[in-house]
Amino acid sequence: GTKLIVEAGCDYAKTSTGQYVGPTVEQFLVMAEVCKGTKTKTKVAGVKHPRPQNAWVFLAAGADLIGTRAAEPMILALPTMRKIGIVPPYKG
């Protein structure tokens, strides 16, 4: 499916939405590999618990965007995740 999305010139390829079981990192990496070197970016939706840690894993794996209704707990967890070294320090 991702190859068709890239060939169609879509802006984003997106993982599962509204599924009980969210995407695995391995599934995302397959999608990301197909998008690599194209204008199509990657979006992860359906991040499962623990959301802050799992969202960071997808970002570290190369996701361009995380789609979620649970952004607040993810953002609020950043200081703790930085403190224990899961997330690098902010250099903005």
PDB file of N, CA and C in Angstrom:
ATOM      1  N   GLY A   1       0.778  -1.191   0.000  1.00  0.00           N
ATOM      2  CA  GLY A   1       0.000   0.000   0.000  1.00  0.00           C
ATOM      3  C   GLY A   1       0.833   1.274   0.000  1.00  0.00           C
ATOM      4  N   THR A   2       1.938   1.281   0.737  1.00  0.00           N
ATOM      5  CA  THR A   2       2.750   2.495   0.831  1.00  0.00           C
ATOM      6  C   THR A   2       3.341   2.864  -0.525  1.00  0.00           C
ATOM      7  N   LYS A   3       3.727   1.873  -1.301  1.00  0.00           N
ATOM      8  CA  LYS A   3       4.296   2.149  -2.628  1.00  0.00           C
ATOM      9  C   LYS A   3       3.291   2.900  -3.495  1.00  0.00           C
ATOM     10  N   LEU A   4       2.020   2.517  -3.420  1.00  0.00           N
ATOM     11  CA  LEU A   4       0.980   3.211  -4.187  1.00  0.00           C
ATOM     12  C   LEU A   4       0.822   4.653  -3.719  1.00  0.00           C
ATOM     13  N   ILE A   5       0.920   4.860  -2.408  1.00  0.00           N
ATOM     14  CA  ILE A   5       0.808   6.207  -1.840  1.00  0.00           C
ATOM     15  C   ILE A   5       1.940   7.091  -2.357  1.00  0.00           C
ATOM     16  N   VAL A   6       3.145   6.551  -2.357  1.00  0.00           N
ATOM     17  CA  VAL A   6       4.309   7.296  -2.847  1.00  0.00           C
ATOM     18  C   VAL A   6       4.157   7.583  -4.337  1.00  0.00           C
ATOM     19  N   GLU A   7       3.771   6.564  -5.111  1.00  0.00           N
ATOM     20  CA  GLU A   7       3.615   6.737  -6.562  1.00  0.00           C
ATOM     21  C   GLU A   7       2.526   7.758  -6.900  1.00  0.00           C
ATOM     22  N   ALA A   8       1.507   7.856  -6.052  1.00  0.00           N
ATOM     23  CA  ALA A   8       0.429   8.825  -6.277  1.00  0.00           C
ATOM     24  C   ALA A   8       0.848  10.245  -5.902  1.00  0.00           C
ATOM     25  N   GLY A   9       2.010  10.386  -5.254  1.00  0.00           N
ATOM     26  CA  GLY A   9       2.502  11.707  -4.881  1.00  0.00           C
ATOM     27  C   GLY A   9       1.852  12.285  -3.640  1.00  0.00           C
ATOM     28  N   CYS A  10       1.333  11.426  -2.784  1.00  0.00           N
ATOM     29  CA  CYS A  10       0.690  11.901  -1.548  1.00  0.00           C
ATOM     30  C   CYS A  10       1.722  12.536  -0.620  1.00  0.00           C
ATOM     31  N   ASP A  11       1.251  13.476   0.195  1.00  0.00           N
ATOM     32  CA  ASP A  11       2.134  14.156   1.143  1.00  0.00           C
ATOM     33  C   ASP A  11       2.568  13.240   2.281  1.00  0.00           C
ATOM     34  N   TYR A  12       1.652  12.380   2.757  1.00  0.00           N
ATOM     35  CA  TYR A  12       1.937  11.513   3.900  1.00  0.00           C
ATOM     36  C   TYR A  12       1.463  10.093   3.658  1.00  0.00           C
ATOM     37  N   ALA A  13       2.220   9.148   4.199  1.00  0.00           N
ATOM     38  CA  ALA A  13       1.775   7.766   4.352  1.00  0.00           C
ATOM     39  C   ALA A  13       1.527   7.600   5.843  1.00  0.00           C
ATOM     40  N   LYS A  14       0.409   6.990   6.213  1.00  0.00           N
ATOM     41  CA  LYS A  14       0.007   6.936   7.621  1.00  0.00           C
ATOM     42  C   LYS A  14      -0.223   5.498   8.059  1.00  0.00           C
ATOM     43  N   THR A  15       0.174   5.212   9.298  1.00  0.00           N
ATOM     44  CA  THR A  15      -0.088   3.895   9.870  1.00  0.00           C
ATOM     45  C   THR A  15      -1.558   3.800  10.254  1.00  0.00           C
ATOM     46  N   SER A  16      -1.911   2.720  10.891  1.00  0.00           N
ATOM     47  CA  SER A  16      -3.308   2.428  11.230  1.00  0.00           C
ATOM     48  C   SER A  16      -3.992   3.547  11.995  1.00  0.00           C
ATOM     49  N   THR A  17      -5.273   3.683  11.737  1.00  0.00           N
ATOM     50  CA  THR A  17      -6.105   4.640  12.449  1.00  0.00           C
ATOM     51  C   THR A  17      -7.342   3.912  12.934  1.00  0.00           C
ATOM     52  N   GLY A  18      -7.698   4.101  14.183  1.00  0.00           N
ATOM     53  CA  GLY A  18      -8.917   3.509  14.706  1.00  0.00           C
ATOM     54  C   GLY A  18      -8.857   2.006  14.891  1.00  0.00           C
ATOM     55  N   GLN A  19      -7.662   1.448  14.880  1.00  0.00           N
ATOM     56  CA  GLN A  19      -7.501   0.011  15.076  1.00  0.00           C
ATOM     57  C   GLN A  19      -7.226  -0.262  16.548  1.00  0.00           C
ATOM     58  N   TYR A  20      -7.708  -1.392  17.032  1.00  0.00           N
ATOM     59  CA  TYR A  20      -7.456  -1.750  18.428  1.00  0.00           C
ATOM     60  C   TYR A  20      -5.960  -1.966  18.646  1.00  0.00           C
ATOM     61  N   VAL A  21      -5.335  -2.645  17.709  1.00  0.00           N
ATOM     62  CA  VAL A  21      -3.898  -2.896  17.801  1.00  0.00           C
ATOM     63  C   VAL A  21      -3.193  -1.835  16.961  1.00  0.00           C
ATOM     64  N   GLY A  22      -2.343  -1.065  17.597  1.00  0.00           N
ATOM     65  CA  GLY A  22      -1.620  -0.024  16.876  1.00  0.00           C
ATOM     66  C   GLY A  22      -0.476  -0.605  16.069  1.00  0.00           C
ATOM     67  N   PRO A  23       0.223   0.240  15.333  1.00  0.00           N
ATOM     68  CA  PRO A  23       1.327  -0.229  14.503  1.00  0.00           C
ATOM     69  C   PRO A  23       2.522  -0.646  15.351  1.00  0.00           C
ATOM     70  N   THR A  24       3.292  -1.580  14.836  1.00  0.00           N
ATOM     71  CA  THR A  24       4.559  -1.930  15.478  1.00  0.00           C
ATOM     72  C   THR A  24       5.658  -1.077  14.856  1.00  0.00           C
ATOM     73  N   VAL A  25       6.766  -0.988  15.544  1.00  0.00           N
ATOM     74  CA  VAL A  25       7.900  -0.251  14.996  1.00  0.00           C
ATOM     75  C   VAL A  25       8.379  -0.934  13.719  1.00  0.00           C
ATOM     76  N   GLU A  26       8.343  -2.259  13.703  1.00  0.00           N
ATOM     77  CA  GLU A  26       8.768  -2.991  12.509  1.00  0.00           C
ATOM     78  C   GLU A  26       7.884  -2.649  11.308  1.00  0.00           C
ATOM     79  N   GLN A  27       6.578  -2.558  11.520  1.00  0.00           N
ATOM     80  CA  GLN A  27       5.669  -2.173  10.436  1.00  0.00           C
ATOM     81  C   GLN A  27       5.977  -0.751   9.965  1.00  0.00           C
ATOM     82  N   PHE A  28       6.207   0.134  10.918  1.00  0.00           N
ATOM     83  CA  PHE A  28       6.540   1.512  10.556  1.00  0.00           C
ATOM     84  C   PHE A  28       7.823   1.571   9.731  1.00  0.00           C
ATOM     85  N   LEU A  29       8.835   0.807  10.124  1.00  0.00           N
ATOM     86  CA  LEU A  29      10.109   0.840   9.411  1.00  0.00           C
ATOM     87  C   LEU A  29       9.966   0.388   7.961  1.00  0.00           C
ATOM     88  N   VAL A  30       9.085  -0.573   7.699  1.00  0.00           N
ATOM     89  CA  VAL A  30       8.821  -0.999   6.318  1.00  0.00           C
ATOM     90  C   VAL A  30       8.232   0.173   5.535  1.00  0.00           C
ATOM     91  N   MET A  31       7.241   0.847   6.138  1.00  0.00           N
ATOM     92  CA  MET A  31       6.613   1.998   5.494  1.00  0.00           C
ATOM     93  C   MET A  31       7.637   3.112   5.265  1.00  0.00           C
ATOM     94  N   ALA A  32       8.453   3.391   6.268  1.00  0.00           N
ATOM     95  CA  ALA A  32       9.445   4.465   6.176  1.00  0.00           C
ATOM     96  C   ALA A  32      10.471   4.178   5.087  1.00  0.00           C
ATOM     97  N   GLU A  33      10.851   2.931   4.940  1.00  0.00           N
ATOM     98  CA  GLU A  33      11.830   2.563   3.911  1.00  0.00           C
ATOM     99  C   GLU A  33      11.285   2.849   2.519  1.00  0.00           C
ATOM    100  N   VAL A  34       9.999   2.585   2.298  1.00  0.00           N
ATOM    101  CA  VAL A  34       9.379   2.855   1.001  1.00  0.00           C
ATOM    102  C   VAL A  34       9.335   4.365   0.738  1.00  0.00           C
ATOM    103  N   CYS A  35       9.127   5.159   1.782  1.00  0.00           N
ATOM    104  CA  CYS A  35       9.020   6.619   1.634  1.00  0.00           C
ATOM    105  C   CYS A  35      10.377   7.310   1.530  1.00  0.00           C
ATOM    106  N   LYS A  36      11.420   6.630   1.945  1.00  0.00           N
ATOM    107  CA  LYS A  36      12.763   7.209   1.984  1.00  0.00           C
ATOM    108  C   LYS A  36      13.166   7.739   0.606  1.00  0.00           C
ATOM    109  N   GLY A  37      13.660   8.976   0.579  1.00  0.00           N
ATOM    110  CA  GLY A  37      14.118   9.578  -0.657  1.00  0.00           C
ATOM    111  C   GLY A  37      13.008  10.099  -1.556  1.00  0.00           C
ATOM    112  N   THR A  38      11.767  10.121  -1.040  1.00  0.00           N
ATOM    113  CA  THR A  38      10.636  10.648  -1.806  1.00  0.00           C
ATOM    114  C   THR A  38      10.105  11.882  -1.092  1.00  0.00           C
ATOM    115  N   LYS A  39       9.118  12.529  -1.685  1.00  0.00           N
ATOM    116  CA  LYS A  39       8.505  13.685  -1.020  1.00  0.00           C
ATOM    117  C   LYS A  39       7.457  13.252   0.007  1.00  0.00           C
ATOM    118  N   THR A  40       7.113  11.965   0.037  1.00  0.00           N
ATOM    119  CA  THR A  40       6.092  11.461   0.956  1.00  0.00           C
ATOM    120  C   THR A  40       6.682  11.305   2.349  1.00  0.00           C
ATOM    121  N   LYS A  41       6.069  11.968   3.313  1.00  0.00           N
ATOM    122  CA  LYS A  41       6.503  11.889   4.707  1.00  0.00           C
ATOM    123  C   LYS A  41       5.706  10.801   5.426  1.00  0.00           C
ATOM    124  N   THR A  42       6.121  10.495   6.662  1.00  0.00           N
ATOM    125  CA  THR A  42       5.461   9.434   7.417  1.00  0.00           C
ATOM    126  C   THR A  42       4.720   9.987   8.623  1.00  0.00           C
ATOM    127  N   LYS A  43       3.543   9.431   8.861  1.00  0.00           N
ATOM    128  CA  LYS A  43       2.725   9.807  10.014  1.00  0.00           C
ATOM    129  C   LYS A  43       2.335   8.534  10.747  1.00  0.00           C
ATOM    130  N   VAL A  44       2.543   8.532  12.052  1.00  0.00           N
ATOM    131  CA  VAL A  44       2.150   7.398  12.879  1.00  0.00           C
ATOM    132  C   VAL A  44       0.879   7.763  13.623  1.00  0.00           C
ATOM    133  N   ALA A  45      -0.133   6.932  13.486  1.00  0.00           N
ATOM    134  CA  ALA A  45      -1.380   7.080  14.233  1.00  0.00           C
ATOM    135  C   ALA A  45      -1.634   5.766  14.958  1.00  0.00           C
ATOM    136  N   GLY A  46      -2.335   5.850  16.050  1.00  0.00           N
ATOM    137  CA  GLY A  46      -2.653   4.633  16.790  1.00  0.00           C
ATOM    138  C   GLY A  46      -1.575   4.206  17.758  1.00  0.00           C
ATOM    139  N   VAL A  47      -0.799   5.167  18.296  1.00  0.00           N
ATOM    140  CA  VAL A  47       0.245   4.842  19.268  1.00  0.00           C
ATOM    141  C   VAL A  47      -0.418   4.314  20.537  1.00  0.00           C
ATOM    142  N   LYS A  48       0.047   3.176  21.007  1.00  0.00           N
ATOM    143  CA  LYS A  48      -0.546   2.525  22.179  1.00  0.00           C
ATOM    144  C   LYS A  48       0.252   2.828  23.443  1.00  0.00           C
ATOM    145  N   HIS A  49      -0.302   2.441  24.575  1.00  0.00           N
ATOM    146  CA  HIS A  49       0.309   2.671  25.896  1.00  0.00           C
ATOM    147  C   HIS A  49       1.592   1.862  26.038  1.00  0.00           C
ATOM    148  N   PRO A  50       2.592   2.396  26.724  1.00  0.00           N
ATOM    149  CA  PRO A  50       2.675   3.744  27.256  1.00  0.00           C
ATOM    150  C   PRO A  50       2.951   4.739  26.126  1.00  0.00           C
ATOM    151  N   ARG A  51       2.009   5.611  25.883  1.00  0.00           N
ATOM    152  CA  ARG A  51       2.060   6.503  24.722  1.00  0.00           C
ATOM    153  C   ARG A  51       3.305   7.389  24.661  1.00  0.00           C
ATOM    154  N   PRO A  52       3.700   8.056  25.747  1.00  0.00           N
ATOM    155  CA  PRO A  52       4.875   8.933  25.625  1.00  0.00           C
ATOM    156  C   PRO A  52       6.124   8.178  25.160  1.00  0.00           C
ATOM    157  N   GLN A  53       6.383   7.040  25.766  1.00  0.00           N
ATOM    158  CA  GLN A  53       7.562   6.265  25.401  1.00  0.00           C
ATOM    159  C   GLN A  53       7.442   5.712  23.980  1.00  0.00           C
ATOM    160  N   ASN A  54       6.273   5.198  23.637  1.00  0.00           N
ATOM    161  CA  ASN A  54       6.087   4.627  22.304  1.00  0.00           C
ATOM    162  C   ASN A  54       6.136   5.699  21.222  1.00  0.00           C
ATOM    163  N   ALA A  55       5.581   6.872  21.496  1.00  0.00           N
ATOM    164  CA  ALA A  55       5.658   7.962  20.521  1.00  0.00           C
ATOM    165  C   ALA A  55       7.118   8.332  20.272  1.00  0.00           C
ATOM    166  N   TRP A  56       7.904   8.405  21.344  1.00  0.00           N
ATOM    167  CA  TRP A  56       9.312   8.746  21.178  1.00  0.00           C
ATOM    168  C   TRP A  56      10.037   7.697  20.341  1.00  0.00           C
ATOM    169  N   VAL A  57       9.725   6.433  20.535  1.00  0.00           N
ATOM    170  CA  VAL A  57      10.351   5.370  19.739  1.00  0.00           C
ATOM    171  C   VAL A  57      10.070   5.588  18.253  1.00  0.00           C
ATOM    172  N   PHE A  58       8.817   5.915  17.908  1.00  0.00           N
ATOM    173  CA  PHE A  58       8.482   6.152  16.502  1.00  0.00           C
ATOM    174  C   PHE A  58       9.210   7.385  15.956  1.00  0.00           C
ATOM    175  N   LEU A  59       9.311   8.433  16.752  1.00  0.00           N
ATOM    176  CA  LEU A  59      10.048   9.626  16.310  1.00  0.00           C
ATOM    177  C   LEU A  59      11.528   9.310  16.113  1.00  0.00           C
ATOM    178  N   ALA A  60      12.092   8.545  17.041  1.00  0.00           N
ATOM    179  CA  ALA A  60      13.500   8.157  16.919  1.00  0.00           C
ATOM    180  C   ALA A  60      13.722   7.263  15.701  1.00  0.00           C
ATOM    181  N   ALA A  61      12.689   6.513  15.322  1.00  0.00           N
ATOM    182  CA  ALA A  61      12.774   5.634  14.152  1.00  0.00           C
ATOM    183  C   ALA A  61      12.570   6.395  12.850  1.00  0.00           C
ATOM    184  N   GLY A  62      12.239   7.693  12.936  1.00  0.00           N
ATOM    185  CA  GLY A  62      12.143   8.510  11.738  1.00  0.00           C
ATOM    186  C   GLY A  62      10.775   9.036  11.377  1.00  0.00           C
ATOM    187  N   ALA A  63       9.772   8.844  12.229  1.00  0.00           N
ATOM    188  CA  ALA A  63       8.436   9.370  11.925  1.00  0.00           C
ATOM    189  C   ALA A  63       8.488  10.892  11.825  1.00  0.00           C
ATOM    190  N   ASP A  64       7.798  11.424  10.832  1.00  0.00           N
ATOM    191  CA  ASP A  64       7.736  12.875  10.662  1.00  0.00           C
ATOM    192  C   ASP A  64       6.641  13.501  11.511  1.00  0.00           C
ATOM    193  N   LEU A  65       5.627  12.724  11.837  1.00  0.00           N
ATOM    194  CA  LEU A  65       4.460  13.262  12.536  1.00  0.00           C
ATOM    195  C   LEU A  65       3.801  12.153  13.349  1.00  0.00           C
ATOM    196  N   ILE A  66       3.309  12.518  14.535  1.00  0.00           N
ATOM    197  CA  ILE A  66       2.511  11.607  15.355  1.00  0.00           C
ATOM    198  C   ILE A  66       1.103  12.179  15.393  1.00  0.00           C
ATOM    199  N   GLY A  67       0.126  11.385  15.023  1.00  0.00           N
ATOM    200  CA  GLY A  67      -1.272  11.797  15.094  1.00  0.00           C
ATOM    201  C   GLY A  67      -1.911  11.162  16.315  1.00  0.00           C
ATOM    202  N   THR A  68      -2.412  11.979  17.226  1.00  0.00           N
ATOM    203  CA  THR A  68      -2.974  11.436  18.463  1.00  0.00           C
ATOM    204  C   THR A  68      -3.949  12.411  19.098  1.00  0.00           C
ATOM    205  N   ARG A  69      -4.857  11.855  19.879  1.00  0.00           N
ATOM    206  CA  ARG A  69      -5.723  12.681  20.724  1.00  0.00           C
ATOM    207  C   ARG A  69      -5.129  12.785  22.126  1.00  0.00           C
ATOM    208  N   ALA A  70      -3.997  12.150  22.340  1.00  0.00           N
ATOM    209  CA  ALA A  70      -3.382  12.105  23.670  1.00  0.00           C
ATOM    210  C   ALA A  70      -2.083  12.908  23.711  1.00  0.00           C
ATOM    211  N   ALA A  71      -2.052  14.035  23.022  1.00  0.00           N
ATOM    212  CA  ALA A  71      -0.830  14.840  22.967  1.00  0.00           C
ATOM    213  C   ALA A  71      -0.426  15.375  24.337  1.00  0.00           C
ATOM    214  N   GLU A  72      -1.407  15.788  25.141  1.00  0.00           N
ATOM    215  CA  GLU A  72      -1.065  16.400  26.430  1.00  0.00           C
ATOM    216  C   GLU A  72      -0.231  15.482  27.318  1.00  0.00           C
ATOM    217  N   PRO A  73      -0.632  14.229  27.575  1.00  0.00           N
ATOM    218  CA  PRO A  73       0.218  13.385  28.420  1.00  0.00           C
ATOM    219  C   PRO A  73       1.584  13.097  27.792  1.00  0.00           C
ATOM    220  N   MET A  74       1.633  13.077  26.465  1.00  0.00           N
ATOM    221  CA  MET A  74       2.923  12.861  25.801  1.00  0.00           C
ATOM    222  C   MET A  74       3.857  14.037  26.052  1.00  0.00           C
ATOM    223  N   ILE A  75       3.325  15.250  25.927  1.00  0.00           N
ATOM    224  CA  ILE A  75       4.125  16.463  26.152  1.00  0.00           C
ATOM    225  C   ILE A  75       4.525  16.569  27.622  1.00  0.00           C
ATOM    226  N   LEU A  76       3.587  16.295  28.521  1.00  0.00           N
ATOM    227  CA  LEU A  76       3.872  16.404  29.952  1.00  0.00           C
ATOM    228  C   LEU A  76       4.919  15.393  30.414  1.00  0.00           C
ATOM    229  N   ALA A  77       5.067  14.293  29.702  1.00  0.00           N
ATOM    230  CA  ALA A  77       6.053  13.274  30.076  1.00  0.00           C
ATOM    231  C   ALA A  77       7.465  13.618  29.608  1.00  0.00           C
ATOM    232  N   LEU A  78       7.599  14.591  28.708  1.00  0.00           N
ATOM    233  CA  LEU A  78       8.919  14.912  28.159  1.00  0.00           C
ATOM    234  C   LEU A  78       9.965  15.277  29.216  1.00  0.00           C
ATOM    235  N   PRO A  79       9.670  16.143  30.202  1.00  0.00           N
ATOM    236  CA  PRO A  79      10.704  16.465  31.192  1.00  0.00           C
ATOM    237  C   PRO A  79      11.224  15.229  31.930  1.00  0.00           C
ATOM    238  N   THR A  80      10.328  14.330  32.305  1.00  0.00           N
ATOM    239  CA  THR A  80      10.755  13.114  33.001  1.00  0.00           C
ATOM    240  C   THR A  80      11.582  12.235  32.074  1.00  0.00           C
ATOM    241  N   MET A  81      11.152  12.112  30.831  1.00  0.00           N
ATOM    242  CA  MET A  81      11.898  11.274  29.888  1.00  0.00           C
ATOM    243  C   MET A  81      13.263  11.883  29.581  1.00  0.00           C
ATOM    244  N   ARG A  82      13.362  13.212  29.578  1.00  0.00           N
ATOM    245  CA  ARG A  82      14.669  13.864  29.406  1.00  0.00           C
ATOM    246  C   ARG A  82      15.541  13.614  30.637  1.00  0.00           C
ATOM    247  N   LYS A  83      14.940  13.713  31.809  1.00  0.00           N
ATOM    248  CA  LYS A  83      15.680  13.555  33.066  1.00  0.00           C
ATOM    249  C   LYS A  83      16.342  12.186  33.162  1.00  0.00           C
ATOM    250  N   ILE A  84      15.656  11.151  32.687  1.00  0.00           N
ATOM    251  CA  ILE A  84      16.217   9.801  32.794  1.00  0.00           C
ATOM    252  C   ILE A  84      16.944   9.361  31.520  1.00  0.00           C
ATOM    253  N   GLY A  85      17.051  10.272  30.548  1.00  0.00           N
ATOM    254  CA  GLY A  85      17.866  10.005  29.371  1.00  0.00           C
ATOM    255  C   GLY A  85      17.186   9.310  28.209  1.00  0.00           C
ATOM    256  N   ILE A  86      15.862   9.178  28.248  1.00  0.00           N
ATOM    257  CA  ILE A  86      15.156   8.560  27.123  1.00  0.00           C
ATOM    258  C   ILE A  86      15.094   9.537  25.956  1.00  0.00           C
ATOM    259  N   VAL A  87      14.878  10.811  26.265  1.00  0.00           N
ATOM    260  CA  VAL A  87      14.763  11.860  25.255  1.00  0.00           C
ATOM    261  C   VAL A  87      15.943  12.808  25.435  1.00  0.00           C
ATOM    262  N   PRO A  88      16.606  13.200  24.340  1.00  0.00           N
ATOM    263  CA  PRO A  88      17.737  14.124  24.482  1.00  0.00           C
ATOM    264  C   PRO A  88      17.290  15.507  24.946  1.00  0.00           C
ATOM    265  N   PRO A  89      18.213  16.289  25.509  1.00  0.00           N
ATOM    266  CA  PRO A  89      17.877  17.641  25.959  1.00  0.00           C
ATOM    267  C   PRO A  89      17.356  18.498  24.809  1.00  0.00           C
ATOM    268  N   TYR A  90      16.482  19.429  25.137  1.00  0.00           N
ATOM    269  CA  TYR A  90      15.944  20.362  24.147  1.00  0.00           C
ATOM    270  C   TYR A  90      17.017  21.379  23.794  1.00  0.00           C
ATOM    271  N   LYS A  91      17.220  21.612  22.497  1.00  0.00           N
ATOM    272  CA  LYS A  91      18.262  22.554  22.054  1.00  0.00           C
ATOM    273  C   LYS A  91      17.672  23.660  21.198  1.00  0.00           C
ATOM    274  N   GLY A  92      16.386  23.991  21.420  1.00  0.00           N
ATOM    275  CA  GLY A  92      15.678  24.980  20.615  1.00  0.00           C
ATOM    276  C   GLY A  92      16.236  26.317  20.722  1.00  0.00           C
TER     277      GLY A  92
END
